[in-house]
C-alpha atoms as a PDB file:
ATOM      1  CA  UNK A   1      73.843  58.850 -12.102  1.00  0.00           C
ATOM      2  CA  UNK A   2      76.058  61.365 -13.778  1.00  0.00           C
ATOM      3  CA  UNK A   3      75.656  65.090 -13.976  1.00  0.00           C
ATOM      4  CA  UNK A   4      76.405  66.496 -17.433  1.00  0.00           C
ATOM      5  CA  UNK A   5      78.240  63.687 -19.206  1.00  0.00           C
ATOM      6  CA  UNK A   6      79.746  64.134 -22.642  1.00  0.00           C
ATOM      7  CA  UNK A   7      76.965  63.959 -25.203  1.00  0.00           C
ATOM      8  CA  UNK A   8      77.349  63.062 -28.881  1.00  0.00           C
ATOM      9  CA  UNK A   9      75.205  66.122 -29.749  1.00  0.00           C
ATOM     10  CA  UNK A  10      75.169  69.751 -28.586  1.00  0.00           C
ATOM     11  CA  UNK A  11      72.908  70.237 -25.593  1.00  0.00           C
ATOM     12  CA  UNK A  12      71.917  73.097 -23.369  1.00  0.00           C
ATOM     13  CA  UNK A  13      74.402  73.911 -20.618  1.00  0.00           C
ATOM     14  CA  UNK A  14      73.402  73.276 -17.018  1.00  0.00           C
ATOM     15  CA  UNK A  15      73.582  76.699 -15.381  1.00  0.00           C
ATOM     16  CA  UNK A  16      73.418  79.800 -17.516  1.00  0.00           C
ATOM     17  CA  UNK A  17      76.769  81.576 -17.525  1.00  0.00           C
ATOM     18  CA  UNK A  18      76.740  85.213 -16.497  1.00  0.00           C
ATOM     19  CA  UNK A  19      79.105  87.925 -17.677  1.00  0.00           C
ATOM     20  CA  UNK A  20      82.791  87.149 -17.336  1.00  0.00           C
ATOM     21  CA  UNK A  21      82.072  83.398 -17.320  1.00  0.00           C
ATOM     22  CA  UNK A  22      80.944  83.038 -13.707  1.00  0.00           C
ATOM     23  CA  UNK A  23      78.026  80.774 -12.987  1.00  0.00           C
ATOM     24  CA  UNK A  24      75.111  82.480 -11.297  1.00  0.00           C
ATOM     25  CA  UNK A  25      71.675  81.463 -10.112  1.00  0.00           C
ATOM     26  CA  UNK A  26      68.870  81.010 -12.589  1.00  0.00           C
ATOM     27  CA  UNK A  27      66.371  83.856 -12.244  1.00  0.00           C
ATOM     28  CA  UNK A  28      62.866  82.359 -12.260  1.00  0.00           C
ATOM     29  CA  UNK A  29      61.167  85.773 -12.494  1.00  0.00           C
ATOM     30  CA  UNK A  30      63.282  86.737 -15.496  1.00  0.00           C
ATOM     31  CA  UNK A  31      62.463  83.385 -17.134  1.00  0.00           C
ATOM     32  CA  UNK A  32      58.764  83.859 -16.408  1.00  0.00           C
ATOM     33  CA  UNK A  33      58.858  87.367 -17.892  1.00  0.00           C
ATOM     34  CA  UNK A  34      60.629  86.000 -20.980  1.00  0.00           C
ATOM     35  CA  UNK A  35      58.043  83.240 -21.286  1.00  0.00           C
ATOM     36  CA  UNK A  36      55.168  85.699 -20.948  1.00  0.00           C
ATOM     37  CA  UNK A  37      56.727  87.933 -23.611  1.00  0.00           C
ATOM     38  CA  UNK A  38      56.542  84.996 -26.022  1.00  0.00           C
ATOM     39  CA  UNK A  39      52.890  84.292 -25.149  1.00  0.00           C
ATOM     40  CA  UNK A  40      51.812  87.137 -27.442  1.00  0.00           C
ATOM     41  CA  UNK A  41      54.116  86.168 -30.321  1.00  0.00           C
ATOM     42  CA  UNK A  42      52.122  86.021 -33.538  1.00  0.00           C
ATOM     43  CA  UNK A  43      53.721  82.748 -34.574  1.00  0.00           C
ATOM     44  CA  UNK A  44      51.837  80.848 -31.837  1.00  0.00           C
ATOM     45  CA  UNK A  45      48.515  81.548 -33.547  1.00  0.00           C
ATOM     46  CA  UNK A  46      49.979  80.465 -36.893  1.00  0.00           C
ATOM     47  CA  UNK A  47      51.220  77.201 -35.340  1.00  0.00           C
ATOM     48  CA  UNK A  48      47.869  76.518 -33.682  1.00  0.00           C
ATOM     49  CA  UNK A  49      46.019  77.161 -36.950  1.00  0.00           C
ATOM     50  CA  UNK A  50      48.277  74.592 -38.647  1.00  0.00           C
ATOM     51  CA  UNK A  51      47.653  72.036 -35.885  1.00  0.00           C
ATOM     52  CA  UNK A  52      43.927  72.750 -35.569  1.00  0.00           C
ATOM     53  CA  UNK A  53      42.474  73.877 -38.937  1.00  0.00           C
ATOM     54  CA  UNK A  54      39.041  74.608 -37.433  1.00  0.00           C
ATOM     55  CA  UNK A  55      40.509  76.872 -34.729  1.00  0.00           C
ATOM     56  CA  UNK A  56      38.075  79.482 -33.431  1.00  0.00           C
ATOM     57  CA  UNK A  57      40.153  80.913 -30.562  1.00  0.00           C
ATOM     58  CA  UNK A  58      43.428  80.499 -28.696  1.00  0.00           C
ATOM     59  CA  UNK A  59      43.156  82.309 -25.362  1.00  0.00           C
ATOM     60  CA  UNK A  60      46.133  82.862 -23.035  1.00  0.00           C
ATOM     61  CA  UNK A  61      45.765  81.911 -19.374  1.00  0.00           C
ATOM     62  CA  UNK A  62      47.960  84.316 -17.432  1.00  0.00           C
ATOM     63  CA  UNK A  63      46.494  84.590 -13.946  1.00  0.00           C
ATOM     64  CA  UNK A  64      47.970  82.357 -11.266  1.00  0.00           C
ATOM     65  CA  UNK A  65      45.479  79.725 -10.196  1.00  0.00           C
ATOM     66  CA  UNK A  66      44.565  76.074 -10.638  1.00  0.00           C
ATOM     67  CA  UNK A  67      44.814  76.254 -14.437  1.00  0.00           C
ATOM     68  CA  UNK A  68      48.292  77.800 -14.469  1.00  0.00           C
ATOM     69  CA  UNK A  69      49.465  75.414 -11.764  1.00  0.00           C
ATOM     70  CA  UNK A  70      48.058  72.514 -13.787  1.00  0.00           C
ATOM     71  CA  UNK A  71      50.138  73.556 -16.789  1.00  0.00           C
ATOM     72  CA  UNK A  72      47.480  75.413 -18.763  1.00  0.00           C
ATOM     73  CA  UNK A  73      48.902  78.400 -20.627  1.00  0.00           C
ATOM     74  CA  UNK A  74      46.411  78.473 -23.490  1.00  0.00           C
ATOM     75  CA  UNK A  75      42.862  77.272 -24.176  1.00  0.00           C
ATOM     76  CA  UNK A  76      42.181  76.268 -27.781  1.00  0.00           C
ATOM     77  CA  UNK A  77      38.579  76.173 -29.003  1.00  0.00           C
ATOM     78  CA  UNK A  78      37.598  74.509 -32.281  1.00  0.00           C
ATOM     79  CA  UNK A  79      34.532  75.086 -34.468  1.00  0.00           C
ATOM     80  CA  UNK A  80      33.066  71.789 -33.211  1.00  0.00           C
ATOM     81  CA  UNK A  81      33.090  73.141 -29.641  1.00  0.00           C
ATOM     82  CA  UNK A  82      35.965  70.856 -28.673  1.00  0.00           C
ATOM     83  CA  UNK A  83      38.370  72.523 -26.256  1.00  0.00           C
ATOM     84  CA  UNK A  84      42.052  71.651 -25.811  1.00  0.00           C
ATOM     85  CA  UNK A  85      44.419  73.012 -23.190  1.00  0.00           C
ATOM     86  CA  UNK A  86      48.105  73.622 -23.813  1.00  0.00           C
ATOM     87  CA  UNK A  87      51.207  74.164 -21.677  1.00  0.00           C
ATOM     88  CA  UNK A  88      53.638  76.316 -23.687  1.00  0.00           C
ATOM     89  CA  UNK A  89      57.399  75.873 -23.310  1.00  0.00           C
ATOM     90  CA  UNK A  90      59.783  78.163 -25.193  1.00  0.00           C
ATOM     91  CA  UNK A  91      63.524  77.827 -25.654  1.00  0.00           C
ATOM     92  CA  UNK A  92      65.474  80.773 -26.942  1.00  0.00           C
ATOM     93  CA  UNK A  93      68.000  78.643 -28.852  1.00  0.00           C
ATOM     94  CA  UNK A  94      67.433  75.802 -31.312  1.00  0.00           C
ATOM     95  CA  UNK A  95      68.691  72.717 -29.495  1.00  0.00           C
ATOM     96  CA  UNK A  96      68.461  69.116 -30.782  1.00  0.00           C
ATOM     97  CA  UNK A  97      66.802  67.993 -27.546  1.00  0.00           C
ATOM     98  CA  UNK A  98      63.679  68.503 -25.486  1.00  0.00           C
ATOM     99  CA  UNK A  99      64.583  69.445 -21.936  1.00  0.00           C
ATOM    100  CA  UNK A 100      62.243  67.429 -19.698  1.00  0.00           C
ATOM    101  CA  UNK A 101      61.793  68.900 -16.216  1.00  0.00           C
ATOM    102  CA  UNK A 102      62.219  65.984 -13.813  1.00  0.00           C
ATOM    103  CA  UNK A 103      62.171  67.967 -10.552  1.00  0.00           C
ATOM    104  CA  UNK A 104      60.916  71.529 -10.168  1.00  0.00           C
ATOM    105  CA  UNK A 105      62.615  71.513  -6.733  1.00  0.00           C
ATOM    106  CA  UNK A 106      65.145  68.699  -6.466  1.00  0.00           C
ATOM    107  CA  UNK A 107      65.755  68.875  -2.697  1.00  0.00           C
ATOM    108  CA  UNK A 108      62.039  68.793  -1.872  1.00  0.00           C
ATOM    109  CA  UNK A 109      61.380  66.198  -4.604  1.00  0.00           C
ATOM    110  CA  UNK A 110      58.666  68.384  -6.158  1.00  0.00           C
ATOM    111  CA  UNK A 111      57.886  66.693  -9.481  1.00  0.00           C
ATOM    112  CA  UNK A 112      58.613  68.624 -12.660  1.00  0.00           C
ATOM    113  CA  UNK A 113      56.146  68.901 -15.505  1.00  0.00           C
ATOM    114  CA  UNK A 114      57.163  65.622 -17.154  1.00  0.00           C
ATOM    115  CA  UNK A 115      56.109  63.608 -14.111  1.00  0.00           C
ATOM    116  CA  UNK A 116      53.527  65.630 -12.171  1.00  0.00           C
ATOM    117  CA  UNK A 117      49.807  65.389 -12.874  1.00  0.00           C
ATOM    118  CA  UNK A 118      48.977  68.044 -15.466  1.00  0.00           C
ATOM    119  CA  UNK A 119      45.551  69.431 -16.353  1.00  0.00           C
ATOM    120  CA  UNK A 120      46.569  70.202 -19.959  1.00  0.00           C
ATOM    121  CA  UNK A 121      46.115  68.065 -23.054  1.00  0.00           C
ATOM    122  CA  UNK A 122      49.335  69.071 -24.829  1.00  0.00           C
ATOM    123  CA  UNK A 123      52.757  70.521 -24.171  1.00  0.00           C
ATOM    124  CA  UNK A 124      53.650  72.895 -27.030  1.00  0.00           C
ATOM    125  CA  UNK A 125      57.452  72.852 -26.956  1.00  0.00           C
ATOM    126  CA  UNK A 126      58.764  75.622 -29.206  1.00  0.00           C
ATOM    127  CA  UNK A 127      62.168  76.829 -30.332  1.00  0.00           C
ATOM    128  CA  UNK A 128      61.811  80.590 -30.781  1.00  0.00           C
ATOM    129  CA  UNK A 129      64.571  81.236 -33.382  1.00  0.00           C
ATOM    130  CA  UNK A 130      63.173  78.726 -35.893  1.00  0.00           C
ATOM    131  CA  UNK A 131      59.545  78.957 -34.681  1.00  0.00           C
ATOM    132  CA  UNK A 132      59.510  75.162 -34.749  1.00  0.00           C
ATOM    133  CA  UNK A 133      57.105  73.565 -32.292  1.00  0.00           C
ATOM    134  CA  UNK A 134      56.473  70.034 -31.119  1.00  0.00           C
ATOM    135  CA  UNK A 135      52.866  69.535 -30.010  1.00  0.00           C
ATOM    136  CA  UNK A 136      53.317  66.729 -27.495  1.00  0.00           C
ATOM    137  CA  UNK A 137      50.234  64.916 -26.134  1.00  0.00           C
ATOM    138  CA  UNK A 138      50.669  64.791 -22.350  1.00  0.00           C
ATOM    139  CA  UNK A 139      49.539  61.192 -21.710  1.00  0.00           C
ATOM    140  CA  UNK A 140      52.024  59.532 -24.131  1.00  0.00           C
ATOM    141  CA  UNK A 141      54.750  61.992 -23.107  1.00  0.00           C
ATOM    142  CA  UNK A 142      54.428  61.151 -19.430  1.00  0.00           C
ATOM    143  CA  UNK A 143      54.053  57.422 -20.102  1.00  0.00           C
ATOM    144  CA  UNK A 144      57.254  57.543 -22.188  1.00  0.00           C
ATOM    145  CA  UNK A 145      58.967  59.200 -19.213  1.00  0.00           C
ATOM    146  CA  UNK A 146      57.760  56.403 -16.902  1.00  0.00           C
ATOM    147  CA  UNK A 147      59.016  53.761 -19.344  1.00  0.00           C
ATOM    148  CA  UNK A 148      62.366  55.331 -20.302  1.00  0.00           C
ATOM    149  CA  UNK A 149      63.157  58.111 -17.831  1.00  0.00           C
ATOM    150  CA  UNK A 150      65.803  56.192 -15.868  1.00  0.00           C
ATOM    151  CA  UNK A 151      67.553  55.154 -19.084  1.00  0.00           C
ATOM    152  CA  UNK A 152      67.520  58.757 -20.333  1.00  0.00           C
ATOM    153  CA  UNK A 153      69.014  60.042 -17.077  1.00  0.00           C
ATOM    154  CA  UNK A 154      71.811  57.453 -17.317  1.00  0.00           C
ATOM    155  CA  UNK A 155      72.423  58.087 -21.010  1.00  0.00           C
ATOM    156  CA  UNK A 156      71.940  61.872 -21.350  1.00  0.00           C
ATOM    157  CA  UNK A 157      72.549  63.102 -17.804  1.00  0.00           C
ATOM    158  CA  UNK A 158      70.824  65.918 -16.010  1.00  0.00           C
ATOM    159  CA  UNK A 159      70.947  69.682 -16.277  1.00  0.00           C
ATOM    160  CA  UNK A 160      70.448  71.644 -13.097  1.00  0.00           C
ATOM    161  CA  UNK A 161      69.107  75.183 -12.999  1.00  0.00           C
ATOM    162  CA  UNK A 162      70.245  76.860  -9.786  1.00  0.00           C
ATOM    163  CA  UNK A 163      67.420  79.162  -8.768  1.00  0.00           C
ATOM    164  CA  UNK A 164      67.379  81.313  -5.654  1.00  0.00           C
ATOM    165  CA  UNK A 165      66.432  78.868  -2.884  1.00  0.00           C
ATOM    166  CA  UNK A 166      65.992  75.745  -4.997  1.00  0.00           C
ATOM    167  CA  UNK A 167      67.420  73.705  -7.858  1.00  0.00           C
ATOM    168  CA  UNK A 168      65.343  72.347 -10.728  1.00  0.00           C
ATOM    169  CA  UNK A 169      66.566  69.270 -12.589  1.00  0.00           C
ATOM    170  CA  UNK A 170      66.064  68.597 -16.294  1.00  0.00           C
ATOM    171  CA  UNK A 171      66.976  65.785 -18.674  1.00  0.00           C
ATOM    172  CA  UNK A 172      67.927  66.668 -22.290  1.00  0.00           C
ATOM    173  CA  UNK A 173      66.391  63.945 -24.468  1.00  0.00           C
ATOM    174  CA  UNK A 174      67.174  64.045 -28.209  1.00  0.00           C
ATOM    175  CA  UNK A 175      64.017  64.895 -30.126  1.00  0.00           C
ATOM    176  CA  UNK A 176      63.977  61.757 -32.283  1.00  0.00           C
ATOM    177  CA  UNK A 177      64.506  59.543 -29.213  1.00  0.00           C
ATOM    178  CA  UNK A 178      61.610  61.220 -27.382  1.00  0.00           C
ATOM    179  CA  UNK A 179      59.233  60.995 -30.353  1.00  0.00           C
ATOM    180  CA  UNK A 180      59.992  57.283 -30.876  1.00  0.00           C
ATOM    181  CA  UNK A 181      59.482  56.633 -27.162  1.00  0.00           C
ATOM    182  CA  UNK A 182      56.138  58.445 -27.261  1.00  0.00           C
ATOM    183  CA  UNK A 183      55.056  56.302 -30.213  1.00  0.00           C
ATOM    184  CA  UNK A 184      56.023  53.198 -28.201  1.00  0.00           C
ATOM    185  CA  UNK A 185      54.103  54.561 -25.206  1.00  0.00           C
ATOM    186  CA  UNK A 186      50.916  54.776 -27.278  1.00  0.00           C
ATOM    187  CA  UNK A 187      50.900  51.005 -27.841  1.00  0.00           C
ATOM    188  CA  UNK A 188      49.234  49.279 -24.897  1.00  0.00           C
ATOM    189  CA  UNK A 189      49.158  45.555 -24.175  1.00  0.00           C
ATOM    190  CA  UNK A 190      46.983  43.752 -21.691  1.00  0.00           C
ATOM    191  CA  UNK A 191      48.766  41.600 -19.119  1.00  0.00           C
END
């Protein structure tokens, strides 16, 4: 397994560089605050209305608890009464990949959101500058990871975020590769 191989496309750097070019630890609290600041962005509601034309409400889940820990950031209610739950991921730069969190704590082998059991129906993966969002159904996304994850690690490498006390590991998968893999993952064959 390689860490940060050359990629034929621009991808997010592993650790964020601080002033004067020195690498520093990733600040989870700062990232959480940034993420929460985007939760109220008006473009989320516009995106959800496009995805769900009969949208009645889109309520943020902010309090720590089972829902937040299960990946639920927003509860979507439709006119039919159908309810969907969404885990929102925001990147502050438009990258050509989706950064899949393999390990939330690499040393302890705590699974990241792409491989841990999630309570949500979708991951809404948004790029803030362009307000482009990929509404990824969790079941096909995680099945695609089970089918192709090892290949993606070998091919695209890993990006490590050095937090205070732990390191999270992510795999940058090109968007078109991920979407094709998810389509493959939705086709099931009996043995």
